[in-house]
Structures are given as structure tokens and as C-alpha cells.
């Protein structure tokens, strides 16, 4: 087992770095460009849905099922407009009243 681990480390350390071409020299020009932010939500959601989401964020109010479906459809439309071809939604319940939610979009 130790040999396999050492071989994996050796392989990882021998890889060449991948060259990445940034869209701009200034990171703030593109930072969070692929985030379904409040500004993006305002463009993709109805006024009612946007207000429901912001009330949930600011005051902890529950989101109605129809609003949640609209948010999901809007997020999908937004992601596809950015070239997303695949989507993963991962919800991991934790102990107590908390949980983690992760959404990932893949562009090819």
C-alpha cells in the first residue's frame, strides 16, 4: 500500500503546470463573474421571486415551493447562457439546524 501512495505522489509531483490565460490582468475585472449573485438574480427572477429570496437571505423567511422552482429554473437558464453543459446540486445535512449546499456547473 505504501508503494502505491509513493507512486501517486511521484506522479503528482512530476506533472507540468497547466498554463492558464486570464481574461484580464486585473483580477477584480473577472472575480465572481460566474456567481448567481443578487445582481444576476435581479435580471433572471421575477420581482416577486427576487423579493422572496432577499427576504430569505436578510430575515430567514422560508421560500415558497413555486418561488424555489423559479429560482432553480432561472439559475439553470443563467448557467446555460454562460455555456454550462452539466450541473450538480449537492446538499449535505449536518448536525443540528445547519447544512451545506454546493452547486457546480461545468462548461466544456
PDB file of N, CA and C in Angstrom:
ATOM      1  N   UNK A   1       0.822  -1.193   0.000  1.00  0.00           N
ATOM      2  CA  UNK A   1       0.000   0.000   0.000  1.00  0.00           C
ATOM      3  C   UNK A   1       0.865   1.256   0.000  1.00  0.00           C
ATOM      4  N   UNK A   2       1.950   1.238   0.745  1.00  0.00           N
ATOM      5  CA  UNK A   2       2.842   2.400   0.793  1.00  0.00           C
ATOM      6  C   UNK A   2       3.433   2.688  -0.573  1.00  0.00           C
ATOM      7  N   UNK A   3       3.734   1.648  -1.341  1.00  0.00           N
ATOM      8  CA  UNK A   3       4.298   1.825  -2.683  1.00  0.00           C
ATOM      9  C   UNK A   3       3.307   2.556  -3.582  1.00  0.00           C
ATOM     10  N   UNK A   4       2.059   2.186  -3.507  1.00  0.00           N
ATOM     11  CA  UNK A   4       1.033   2.854  -4.325  1.00  0.00           C
ATOM     12  C   UNK A   4       0.944   4.332  -3.974  1.00  0.00           C
ATOM     13  N   UNK A   5       0.982   4.624  -2.700  1.00  0.00           N
ATOM     14  CA  UNK A   5       0.921   6.010  -2.252  1.00  0.00           C
ATOM     15  C   UNK A   5       2.134   6.799  -2.743  1.00  0.00           C
ATOM     16  N   UNK A   6       3.320   6.224  -2.615  1.00  0.00           N
ATOM     17  CA  UNK A   6       4.533   6.901  -3.082  1.00  0.00           C
ATOM     18  C   UNK A   6       4.509   7.103  -4.595  1.00  0.00           C
ATOM     19  N   UNK A   7       4.006   6.116  -5.335  1.00  0.00           N
ATOM     20  CA  UNK A   7       3.889   6.258  -6.790  1.00  0.00           C
ATOM     21  C   UNK A   7       2.914   7.383  -7.158  1.00  0.00           C
ATOM     22  N   UNK A   8       1.821   7.484  -6.433  1.00  0.00           N
ATOM     23  CA  UNK A   8       0.850   8.546  -6.696  1.00  0.00           C
ATOM     24  C   UNK A   8       1.468   9.915  -6.425  1.00  0.00           C
ATOM     25  N   UNK A   9       2.215  10.037  -5.346  1.00  0.00           N
ATOM     26  CA  UNK A   9       2.878  11.306  -5.023  1.00  0.00           C
ATOM     27  C   UNK A   9       3.918  11.639  -6.077  1.00  0.00           C
ATOM     28  N   UNK A  10       4.690  10.663  -6.504  1.00  0.00           N
ATOM     29  CA  UNK A  10       5.706  10.891  -7.526  1.00  0.00           C
ATOM     30  C   UNK A  10       5.071  11.345  -8.833  1.00  0.00           C
ATOM     31  N   UNK A  11       3.972  10.709  -9.205  1.00  0.00           N
ATOM     32  CA  UNK A  11       3.259  11.092 -10.431  1.00  0.00           C
ATOM     33  C   UNK A  11       2.743  12.524 -10.325  1.00  0.00           C
ATOM     34  N   UNK A  12       2.152  12.862  -9.189  1.00  0.00           N
ATOM     35  CA  UNK A  12       1.614  14.209  -8.999  1.00  0.00           C
ATOM     36  C   UNK A  12       2.710  15.264  -9.046  1.00  0.00           C
ATOM     37  N   UNK A  13       3.838  14.970  -8.441  1.00  0.00           N
ATOM     38  CA  UNK A  13       4.932  15.941  -8.406  1.00  0.00           C
ATOM     39  C   UNK A  13       5.643  16.090  -9.747  1.00  0.00           C
ATOM     40  N   UNK A  14       5.513  15.106 -10.624  1.00  0.00           N
ATOM     41  CA  UNK A  14       6.203  15.182 -11.913  1.00  0.00           C
ATOM     42  C   UNK A  14       5.365  15.867 -12.992  1.00  0.00           C
ATOM     43  N   UNK A  15       4.134  16.211 -12.691  1.00  0.00           N
ATOM     44  CA  UNK A  15       3.269  16.859 -13.680  1.00  0.00           C
ATOM     45  C   UNK A  15       3.692  18.299 -13.925  1.00  0.00           C
ATOM     46  N   UNK A  16       3.532  18.726 -15.154  1.00  0.00           N
ATOM     47  CA  UNK A  16       3.845  20.111 -15.531  1.00  0.00           C
ATOM     48  C   UNK A  16       2.640  20.999 -15.229  1.00  0.00           C
ATOM     49  N   UNK A  17       2.875  22.210 -14.761  1.00  0.00           N
ATOM     50  CA  UNK A  17       1.753  23.127 -14.502  1.00  0.00           C
ATOM     51  C   UNK A  17       1.002  23.451 -15.795  1.00  0.00           C
ATOM     52  N   UNK A  18      -0.289  23.596 -15.683  1.00  0.00           N
ATOM     53  CA  UNK A  18      -1.129  23.951 -16.824  1.00  0.00           C
ATOM     54  C   UNK A  18      -1.105  25.469 -16.972  1.00  0.00           C
ATOM     55  N   UNK A  19      -0.829  25.935 -18.177  1.00  0.00           N
ATOM     56  CA  UNK A  19      -0.825  27.379 -18.431  1.00  0.00           C
ATOM     57  C   UNK A  19      -2.267  27.879 -18.490  1.00  0.00           C
ATOM     58  N   UNK A  20      -2.556  28.904 -17.741  1.00  0.00           N
ATOM     59  CA  UNK A  20      -3.897  29.477 -17.700  1.00  0.00           C
ATOM     60  C   UNK A  20      -3.822  30.916 -18.196  1.00  0.00           C
ATOM     61  N   UNK A  21      -4.648  31.212 -19.192  1.00  0.00           N
ATOM     62  CA  UNK A  21      -4.701  32.576 -19.717  1.00  0.00           C
ATOM     63  C   UNK A  21      -5.854  33.295 -19.036  1.00  0.00           C
ATOM     64  N   UNK A  22      -5.532  34.277 -18.232  1.00  0.00           N
ATOM     65  CA  UNK A  22      -6.550  35.033 -17.526  1.00  0.00           C
ATOM     66  C   UNK A  22      -7.239  36.012 -18.470  1.00  0.00           C
ATOM     67  N   UNK A  23      -8.530  36.270 -18.258  1.00  0.00           N
ATOM     68  CA  UNK A  23      -9.241  37.203 -19.143  1.00  0.00           C
ATOM     69  C   UNK A  23      -8.769  38.639 -19.012  1.00  0.00           C
ATOM     70  N   UNK A  24      -8.095  38.952 -17.914  1.00  0.00           N
ATOM     71  CA  UNK A  24      -7.606  40.298 -17.676  1.00  0.00           C
ATOM     72  C   UNK A  24      -6.474  40.227 -16.655  1.00  0.00           C
ATOM     73  N   UNK A  25      -5.589  41.185 -16.697  1.00  0.00           N
ATOM     74  CA  UNK A  25      -4.513  41.242 -15.704  1.00  0.00           C
ATOM     75  C   UNK A  25      -5.062  41.619 -14.329  1.00  0.00           C
ATOM     76  N   UNK A  26      -6.163  42.346 -14.319  1.00  0.00           N
ATOM     77  CA  UNK A  26      -6.764  42.823 -13.084  1.00  0.00           C
ATOM     78  C   UNK A  26      -7.839  41.820 -12.634  1.00  0.00           C
ATOM     79  N   UNK A  27      -7.590  41.122 -11.546  1.00  0.00           N
ATOM     80  CA  UNK A  27      -8.495  40.069 -11.084  1.00  0.00           C
ATOM     81  C   UNK A  27      -9.891  40.612 -10.799  1.00  0.00           C
ATOM     82  N   UNK A  28      -9.996  41.812 -10.304  1.00  0.00           N
ATOM     83  CA  UNK A  28     -11.314  42.372  -9.996  1.00  0.00           C
ATOM     84  C   UNK A  28     -12.179  42.543 -11.249  1.00  0.00           C
ATOM     85  N   UNK A  29     -11.579  42.508 -12.442  1.00  0.00           N
ATOM     86  CA  UNK A  29     -12.359  42.591 -13.683  1.00  0.00           C
ATOM     87  C   UNK A  29     -13.206  41.340 -13.915  1.00  0.00           C
ATOM     88  N   UNK A  30     -12.768  40.198 -13.375  1.00  0.00           N
ATOM     89  CA  UNK A  30     -13.494  38.957 -13.635  1.00  0.00           C
ATOM     90  C   UNK A  30     -13.831  38.161 -12.375  1.00  0.00           C
ATOM     91  N   UNK A  31     -13.404  38.623 -11.205  1.00  0.00           N
ATOM     92  CA  UNK A  31     -13.712  37.925  -9.961  1.00  0.00           C
ATOM     93  C   UNK A  31     -15.221  37.823  -9.767  1.00  0.00           C
ATOM     94  N   UNK A  32     -15.712  36.637  -9.462  1.00  0.00           N
ATOM     95  CA  UNK A  32     -17.136  36.350  -9.214  1.00  0.00           C
ATOM     96  C   UNK A  32     -18.006  36.561 -10.447  1.00  0.00           C
ATOM     97  N   UNK A  33     -17.416  36.503 -11.631  1.00  0.00           N
ATOM     98  CA  UNK A  33     -18.193  36.671 -12.863  1.00  0.00           C
ATOM     99  C   UNK A  33     -19.154  35.507 -13.080  1.00  0.00           C
ATOM    100  N   UNK A  34     -18.874  34.363 -12.471  1.00  0.00           N
ATOM    101  CA  UNK A  34     -19.718  33.184 -12.645  1.00  0.00           C
ATOM    102  C   UNK A  34     -20.442  32.821 -11.350  1.00  0.00           C
ATOM    103  N   UNK A  35     -20.956  33.836 -10.677  1.00  0.00           N
ATOM    104  CA  UNK A  35     -21.709  33.649  -9.454  1.00  0.00           C
ATOM    105  C   UNK A  35     -23.140  34.138  -9.680  1.00  0.00           C
ATOM    106  N   UNK A  36     -24.101  33.316  -9.276  1.00  0.00           N
ATOM    107  CA  UNK A  36     -25.514  33.709  -9.375  1.00  0.00           C
ATOM    108  C   UNK A  36     -25.800  34.674  -8.223  1.00  0.00           C
ATOM    109  N   UNK A  37     -25.315  35.884  -8.384  1.00  0.00           N
ATOM    110  CA  UNK A  37     -25.349  36.910  -7.338  1.00  0.00           C
ATOM    111  C   UNK A  37     -26.714  37.597  -7.292  1.00  0.00           C
ATOM    112  N   UNK A  38     -26.867  38.504  -6.335  1.00  0.00           N
ATOM    113  CA  UNK A  38     -28.106  39.267  -6.250  1.00  0.00           C
ATOM    114  C   UNK A  38     -28.355  40.079  -7.515  1.00  0.00           C
ATOM    115  N   UNK A  39     -27.292  40.650  -8.073  1.00  0.00           N
ATOM    116  CA  UNK A  39     -27.448  41.424  -9.315  1.00  0.00           C
ATOM    117  C   UNK A  39     -27.914  40.522 -10.458  1.00  0.00           C
ATOM    118  N   UNK A  40     -27.371  39.315 -10.516  1.00  0.00           N
ATOM    119  CA  UNK A  40     -27.778  38.356 -11.550  1.00  0.00           C
ATOM    120  C   UNK A  40     -29.207  37.905 -11.305  1.00  0.00           C
ATOM    121  N   UNK A  41     -29.537  37.641 -10.047  1.00  0.00           N
ATOM    122  CA  UNK A  41     -30.908  37.225  -9.716  1.00  0.00           C
ATOM    123  C   UNK A  41     -31.919  38.282 -10.127  1.00  0.00           C
ATOM    124  N   UNK A  42     -31.562  39.541  -9.932  1.00  0.00           N
ATOM    125  CA  UNK A  42     -32.479  40.629 -10.293  1.00  0.00           C
ATOM    126  C   UNK A  42     -32.807  40.567 -11.795  1.00  0.00           C
ATOM    127  N   UNK A  43     -31.846  40.150 -12.609  1.00  0.00           N
ATOM    128  CA  UNK A  43     -32.057  40.055 -14.057  1.00  0.00           C
ATOM    129  C   UNK A  43     -32.895  38.834 -14.437  1.00  0.00           C
ATOM    130  N   UNK A  44     -32.728  37.718 -13.717  1.00  0.00           N
ATOM    131  CA  UNK A  44     -33.333  36.455 -14.124  1.00  0.00           C
ATOM    132  C   UNK A  44     -34.622  36.089 -13.393  1.00  0.00           C
ATOM    133  N   UNK A  45     -34.879  36.677 -12.234  1.00  0.00           N
ATOM    134  CA  UNK A  45     -36.067  36.338 -11.456  1.00  0.00           C
ATOM    135  C   UNK A  45     -37.150  37.388 -11.618  1.00  0.00           C
ATOM    136  N   UNK A  46     -38.390  36.957 -11.384  1.00  0.00           N
ATOM    137  CA  UNK A  46     -39.484  37.928 -11.329  1.00  0.00           C
ATOM    138  C   UNK A  46     -39.284  38.788 -10.085  1.00  0.00           C
ATOM    139  N   UNK A  47     -39.962  39.923 -10.036  1.00  0.00           N
ATOM    140  CA  UNK A  47     -39.834  40.816  -8.884  1.00  0.00           C
ATOM    141  C   UNK A  47     -40.241  40.088  -7.604  1.00  0.00           C
ATOM    142  N   UNK A  48     -41.330  39.324  -7.676  1.00  0.00           N
ATOM    143  CA  UNK A  48     -41.826  38.573  -6.513  1.00  0.00           C
ATOM    144  C   UNK A  48     -40.784  37.555  -6.029  1.00  0.00           C
ATOM    145  N   UNK A  49     -40.192  36.821  -6.958  1.00  0.00           N
ATOM    146  CA  UNK A  49     -39.190  35.814  -6.585  1.00  0.00           C
ATOM    147  C   UNK A  49     -37.942  36.474  -6.008  1.00  0.00           C
ATOM    148  N   UNK A  50     -37.509  37.551  -6.618  1.00  0.00           N
ATOM    149  CA  UNK A  50     -36.321  38.253  -6.124  1.00  0.00           C
ATOM    150  C   UNK A  50     -36.548  38.748  -4.697  1.00  0.00           C
ATOM    151  N   UNK A  51     -37.708  39.348  -4.442  1.00  0.00           N
ATOM    152  CA  UNK A  51     -38.016  39.841  -3.105  1.00  0.00           C
ATOM    153  C   UNK A  51     -38.088  38.696  -2.089  1.00  0.00           C
ATOM    154  N   UNK A  52     -38.626  37.559  -2.509  1.00  0.00           N
ATOM    155  CA  UNK A  52     -38.704  36.395  -1.627  1.00  0.00           C
ATOM    156  C   UNK A  52     -37.307  35.895  -1.257  1.00  0.00           C
ATOM    157  N   UNK A  53     -36.420  35.839  -2.242  1.00  0.00           N
ATOM    158  CA  UNK A  53     -35.043  35.383  -1.985  1.00  0.00           C
ATOM    159  C   UNK A  53     -34.319  36.364  -1.067  1.00  0.00           C
ATOM    160  N   UNK A  54     -34.432  37.643  -1.328  1.00  0.00           N
ATOM    161  CA  UNK A  54     -33.737  38.617  -0.483  1.00  0.00           C
ATOM    162  C   UNK A  54     -34.314  38.626   0.939  1.00  0.00           C
ATOM    163  N   UNK A  55     -35.635  38.429   1.078  1.00  0.00           N
ATOM    164  CA  UNK A  55     -36.226  38.328   2.419  1.00  0.00           C
ATOM    165  C   UNK A  55     -35.708  37.085   3.142  1.00  0.00           C
ATOM    166  N   UNK A  56     -35.507  36.034   2.404  1.00  0.00           N
ATOM    167  CA  UNK A  56     -34.959  34.816   3.000  1.00  0.00           C
ATOM    168  C   UNK A  56     -33.523  35.034   3.470  1.00  0.00           C
ATOM    169  N   UNK A  57     -32.739  35.705   2.642  1.00  0.00           N
ATOM    170  CA  UNK A  57     -31.339  35.980   2.990  1.00  0.00           C
ATOM    171  C   UNK A  57     -31.251  36.921   4.192  1.00  0.00           C
ATOM    172  N   UNK A  58     -32.031  37.981   4.161  1.00  0.00           N
ATOM    173  CA  UNK A  58     -31.914  39.019   5.187  1.00  0.00           C
ATOM    174  C   UNK A  58     -32.654  38.703   6.487  1.00  0.00           C
ATOM    175  N   UNK A  59     -33.787  37.978   6.378  1.00  0.00           N
ATOM    176  CA  UNK A  59     -34.636  37.780   7.555  1.00  0.00           C
ATOM    177  C   UNK A  59     -34.902  36.312   7.881  1.00  0.00           C
ATOM    178  N   UNK A  60     -34.363  35.405   7.075  1.00  0.00           N
ATOM    179  CA  UNK A  60     -34.546  33.978   7.346  1.00  0.00           C
ATOM    180  C   UNK A  60     -35.930  33.452   7.024  1.00  0.00           C
ATOM    181  N   UNK A  61     -36.687  34.175   6.207  1.00  0.00           N
ATOM    182  CA  UNK A  61     -38.033  33.722   5.845  1.00  0.00           C
ATOM    183  C   UNK A  61     -37.951  32.545   4.880  1.00  0.00           C
ATOM    184  N   UNK A  62     -38.925  31.656   4.981  1.00  0.00           N
ATOM    185  CA  UNK A  62     -38.961  30.497   4.095  1.00  0.00           C
ATOM    186  C   UNK A  62     -39.338  30.936   2.684  1.00  0.00           C
ATOM    187  N   UNK A  63     -38.840  30.171   1.703  1.00  0.00           N
ATOM    188  CA  UNK A  63     -39.161  30.430   0.302  1.00  0.00           C
ATOM    189  C   UNK A  63     -40.238  29.445  -0.130  1.00  0.00           C
ATOM    190  N   UNK A  64     -41.296  29.954  -0.713  1.00  0.00           N
ATOM    191  CA  UNK A  64     -42.391  29.137  -1.217  1.00  0.00           C
ATOM    192  C   UNK A  64     -41.875  28.174  -2.292  1.00  0.00           C
ATOM    193  N   UNK A  65     -42.480  27.004  -2.408  1.00  0.00           N
ATOM    194  CA  UNK A  65     -42.045  25.981  -3.363  1.00  0.00           C
ATOM    195  C   UNK A  65     -42.057  26.508  -4.804  1.00  0.00           C
ATOM    196  N   UNK A  66     -43.065  27.266  -5.185  1.00  0.00           N
ATOM    197  CA  UNK A  66     -43.128  27.805  -6.550  1.00  0.00           C
ATOM    198  C   UNK A  66     -41.997  28.790  -6.798  1.00  0.00           C
ATOM    199  N   UNK A  67     -41.659  29.580  -5.790  1.00  0.00           N
ATOM    200  CA  UNK A  67     -40.540  30.519  -5.922  1.00  0.00           C
ATOM    201  C   UNK A  67     -39.242  29.739  -6.044  1.00  0.00           C
ATOM    202  N   UNK A  68     -39.086  28.698  -5.242  1.00  0.00           N
ATOM    203  CA  UNK A  68     -37.875  27.864  -5.304  1.00  0.00           C
ATOM    204  C   UNK A  68     -37.724  27.243  -6.687  1.00  0.00           C
ATOM    205  N   UNK A  69     -38.830  26.781  -7.273  1.00  0.00           N
ATOM    206  CA  UNK A  69     -38.774  26.218  -8.626  1.00  0.00           C
ATOM    207  C   UNK A  69     -38.363  27.286  -9.637  1.00  0.00           C
ATOM    208  N   UNK A  70     -38.854  28.514  -9.460  1.00  0.00           N
ATOM    209  CA  UNK A  70     -38.481  29.607 -10.360  1.00  0.00           C
ATOM    210  C   UNK A  70     -36.992  29.949 -10.216  1.00  0.00           C
ATOM    211  N   UNK A  71     -36.505  29.936  -8.981  1.00  0.00           N
ATOM    212  CA  UNK A  71     -35.079  30.199  -8.752  1.00  0.00           C
ATOM    213  C   UNK A  71     -34.240  29.127  -9.446  1.00  0.00           C
ATOM    214  N   UNK A  72     -34.634  27.864  -9.308  1.00  0.00           N
ATOM    215  CA  UNK A  72     -33.891  26.769  -9.943  1.00  0.00           C
ATOM    216  C   UNK A  72     -33.895  26.908 -11.463  1.00  0.00           C
ATOM    217  N   UNK A  73     -35.052  27.207 -12.035  1.00  0.00           N
ATOM    218  CA  UNK A  73     -35.140  27.362 -13.498  1.00  0.00           C
ATOM    219  C   UNK A  73     -34.324  28.566 -13.968  1.00  0.00           C
ATOM    220  N   UNK A  74     -34.351  29.639 -13.191  1.00  0.00           N
ATOM    221  CA  UNK A  74     -33.584  30.835 -13.553  1.00  0.00           C
ATOM    222  C   UNK A  74     -32.090  30.582 -13.467  1.00  0.00           C
ATOM    223  N   UNK A  75     -31.672  29.856 -12.439  1.00  0.00           N
ATOM    224  CA  UNK A  75     -30.253  29.532 -12.287  1.00  0.00           C
ATOM    225  C   UNK A  75     -29.787  28.651 -13.448  1.00  0.00           C
ATOM    226  N   UNK A  76     -30.630  27.719 -13.852  1.00  0.00           N
ATOM    227  CA  UNK A  76     -30.286  26.862 -14.985  1.00  0.00           C
ATOM    228  C   UNK A  76     -30.165  27.694 -16.268  1.00  0.00           C
ATOM    229  N   UNK A  77     -31.115  28.583 -16.506  1.00  0.00           N
ATOM    230  CA  UNK A  77     -31.073  29.430 -17.708  1.00  0.00           C
ATOM    231  C   UNK A  77     -29.823  30.304 -17.707  1.00  0.00           C
ATOM    232  N   UNK A  78     -29.501  30.875 -16.549  1.00  0.00           N
ATOM    233  CA  UNK A  78     -28.298  31.707 -16.427  1.00  0.00           C
ATOM    234  C   UNK A  78     -27.044  30.898 -16.713  1.00  0.00           C
ATOM    235  N   UNK A  79     -26.955  29.710 -16.115  1.00  0.00           N
ATOM    236  CA  UNK A  79     -25.768  28.862 -16.300  1.00  0.00           C
ATOM    237  C   UNK A  79     -25.621  28.449 -17.762  1.00  0.00           C
ATOM    238  N   UNK A  80     -26.721  28.100 -18.405  1.00  0.00           N
ATOM    239  CA  UNK A  80     -26.655  27.709 -19.820  1.00  0.00           C
ATOM    240  C   UNK A  80     -26.258  28.891 -20.692  1.00  0.00           C
ATOM    241  N   UNK A  81     -26.673  30.101 -20.314  1.00  0.00           N
ATOM    242  CA  UNK A  81     -26.278  31.285 -21.089  1.00  0.00           C
ATOM    243  C   UNK A  81     -24.777  31.533 -20.981  1.00  0.00           C
ATOM    244  N   UNK A  82     -24.153  30.982 -19.928  1.00  0.00           N
ATOM    245  CA  UNK A  82     -22.710  31.104 -19.740  1.00  0.00           C
ATOM    246  C   UNK A  82     -21.964  29.903 -20.306  1.00  0.00           C
ATOM    247  N   UNK A  83     -22.685  28.978 -20.946  1.00  0.00           N
ATOM    248  CA  UNK A  83     -22.054  27.839 -21.593  1.00  0.00           C
ATOM    249  C   UNK A  83     -22.029  26.566 -20.768  1.00  0.00           C
ATOM    250  N   UNK A  84     -22.754  26.519 -19.658  1.00  0.00           N
ATOM    251  CA  UNK A  84     -22.758  25.308 -18.829  1.00  0.00           C
ATOM    252  C   UNK A  84     -23.427  24.165 -19.570  1.00  0.00           C
ATOM    253  N   UNK A  85     -22.832  22.985 -19.455  1.00  0.00           N
ATOM    254  CA  UNK A  85     -23.395  21.789 -20.081  1.00  0.00           C
ATOM    255  C   UNK A  85     -23.826  20.753 -19.047  1.00  0.00           C
ATOM    256  N   UNK A  86     -23.337  20.865 -17.822  1.00  0.00           N
ATOM    257  CA  UNK A  86     -23.668  19.913 -16.770  1.00  0.00           C
ATOM    258  C   UNK A  86     -23.861  20.662 -15.462  1.00  0.00           C
ATOM    259  N   UNK A  87     -24.680  20.074 -14.578  1.00  0.00           N
ATOM    260  CA  UNK A  87     -24.997  20.724 -13.315  1.00  0.00           C
ATOM    261  C   UNK A  87     -25.052  19.673 -12.205  1.00  0.00           C
ATOM    262  N   UNK A  88     -24.514  20.015 -11.048  1.00  0.00           N
ATOM    263  CA  UNK A  88     -24.602  19.154  -9.875  1.00  0.00           C
ATOM    264  C   UNK A  88     -25.086  19.984  -8.701  1.00  0.00           C
ATOM    265  N   UNK A  89     -26.068  19.460  -7.993  1.00  0.00           N
ATOM    266  CA  UNK A  89     -26.562  20.087  -6.769  1.00  0.00           C
ATOM    267  C   UNK A  89     -26.316  19.088  -5.653  1.00  0.00           C
ATOM    268  N   UNK A  90     -25.514  19.484  -4.683  1.00  0.00           N
ATOM    269  CA  UNK A  90     -25.152  18.590  -3.589  1.00  0.00           C
ATOM    270  C   UNK A  90     -25.587  19.225  -2.298  1.00  0.00           C
ATOM    271  N   UNK A  91     -26.460  18.544  -1.585  1.00  0.00           N
ATOM    272  CA  UNK A  91     -26.942  19.027  -0.297  1.00  0.00           C
ATOM    273  C   UNK A  91     -26.475  18.056   0.762  1.00  0.00           C
ATOM    274  N   UNK A  92     -25.750  18.557   1.746  1.00  0.00           N
ATOM    275  CA  UNK A  92     -25.204  17.703   2.789  1.00  0.00           C
ATOM    276  C   UNK A  92     -25.741  18.161   4.138  1.00  0.00           C
ATOM    277  N   UNK A  93     -26.705  17.405   4.685  1.00  0.00           N
ATOM    278  CA  UNK A  93     -27.199  17.781   6.022  1.00  0.00           C
ATOM    279  C   UNK A  93     -26.096  17.620   7.065  1.00  0.00           C
ATOM    280  N   UNK A  94     -26.032  18.554   7.960  1.00  0.00           N
ATOM    281  CA  UNK A  94     -25.091  18.485   9.068  1.00  0.00           C
ATOM    282  C   UNK A  94     -25.890  18.296  10.355  1.00  0.00           C
ATOM    283  N   UNK A  95     -25.230  18.264  11.468  1.00  0.00           N
ATOM    284  CA  UNK A  95     -25.944  18.080  12.724  1.00  0.00           C
ATOM    285  C   UNK A  95     -26.660  19.365  13.119  1.00  0.00           C
ATOM    286  N   UNK A  96     -27.703  19.220  13.887  1.00  0.00           N
ATOM    287  CA  UNK A  96     -28.436  20.399  14.346  1.00  0.00           C
ATOM    288  C   UNK A  96     -29.288  20.999  13.247  1.00  0.00           C
ATOM    289  N   UNK A  97     -29.272  22.316  13.159  1.00  0.00           N
ATOM    290  CA  UNK A  97     -30.119  23.035  12.198  1.00  0.00           C
ATOM    291  C   UNK A  97     -29.361  23.535  10.981  1.00  0.00           C
ATOM    292  N   UNK A  98     -28.141  23.069  10.765  1.00  0.00           N
ATOM    293  CA  UNK A  98     -27.352  23.591   9.655  1.00  0.00           C
ATOM    294  C   UNK A  98     -27.148  22.542   8.572  1.00  0.00           C
ATOM    295  N   UNK A  99     -26.788  23.015   7.406  1.00  0.00           N
ATOM    296  CA  UNK A  99     -26.493  22.131   6.282  1.00  0.00           C
ATOM    297  C   UNK A  99     -25.602  22.887   5.312  1.00  0.00           C
ATOM    298  N   UNK A 100     -24.991  22.159   4.396  1.00  0.00           N
ATOM    299  CA  UNK A 100     -24.189  22.767   3.332  1.00  0.00           C
ATOM    300  C   UNK A 100     -24.846  22.464   1.995  1.00  0.00           C
ATOM    301  N   UNK A 101     -24.839  23.446   1.110  1.00  0.00           N
ATOM    302  CA  UNK A 101     -25.365  23.256  -0.236  1.00  0.00           C
ATOM    303  C   UNK A 101     -24.300  23.717  -1.213  1.00  0.00           C
ATOM    304  N   UNK A 102     -24.000  22.871  -2.169  1.00  0.00           N
ATOM    305  CA  UNK A 102     -22.998  23.199  -3.178  1.00  0.00           C
ATOM    306  C   UNK A 102     -23.625  23.017  -4.558  1.00  0.00           C
ATOM    307  N   UNK A 103     -23.444  23.988  -5.424  1.00  0.00           N
ATOM    308  CA  UNK A 103     -23.895  23.899  -6.808  1.00  0.00           C
ATOM    309  C   UNK A 103     -22.684  24.059  -7.699  1.00  0.00           C
ATOM    310  N   UNK A 104     -22.573  23.198  -8.688  1.00  0.00           N
ATOM    311  CA  UNK A 104     -21.430  23.249  -9.596  1.00  0.00           C
ATOM    312  C   UNK A 104     -21.932  23.138 -11.032  1.00  0.00           C
ATOM    313  N   UNK A 105     -21.435  24.026 -11.887  1.00  0.00           N
ATOM    314  CA  UNK A 105     -21.751  23.996 -13.313  1.00  0.00           C
ATOM    315  C   UNK A 105     -20.471  23.685 -14.065  1.00  0.00           C
ATOM    316  N   UNK A 106     -20.586  22.929 -15.123  1.00  0.00           N
ATOM    317  CA  UNK A 106     -19.426  22.558 -15.924  1.00  0.00           C
ATOM    318  C   UNK A 106     -19.582  23.092 -17.335  1.00  0.00           C
ATOM    319  N   UNK A 107     -18.541  23.764 -17.807  1.00  0.00           N
ATOM    320  CA  UNK A 107     -18.505  24.230 -19.199  1.00  0.00           C
ATOM    321  C   UNK A 107     -17.464  23.422 -19.927  1.00  0.00           C
ATOM    322  N   UNK A 108     -17.755  23.019 -21.116  1.00  0.00           N
ATOM    323  CA  UNK A 108     -16.781  22.262 -21.902  1.00  0.00           C
ATOM    324  C   UNK A 108     -16.311  23.050 -23.075  1.00  0.00           C
TER     325      UNK A 108
END
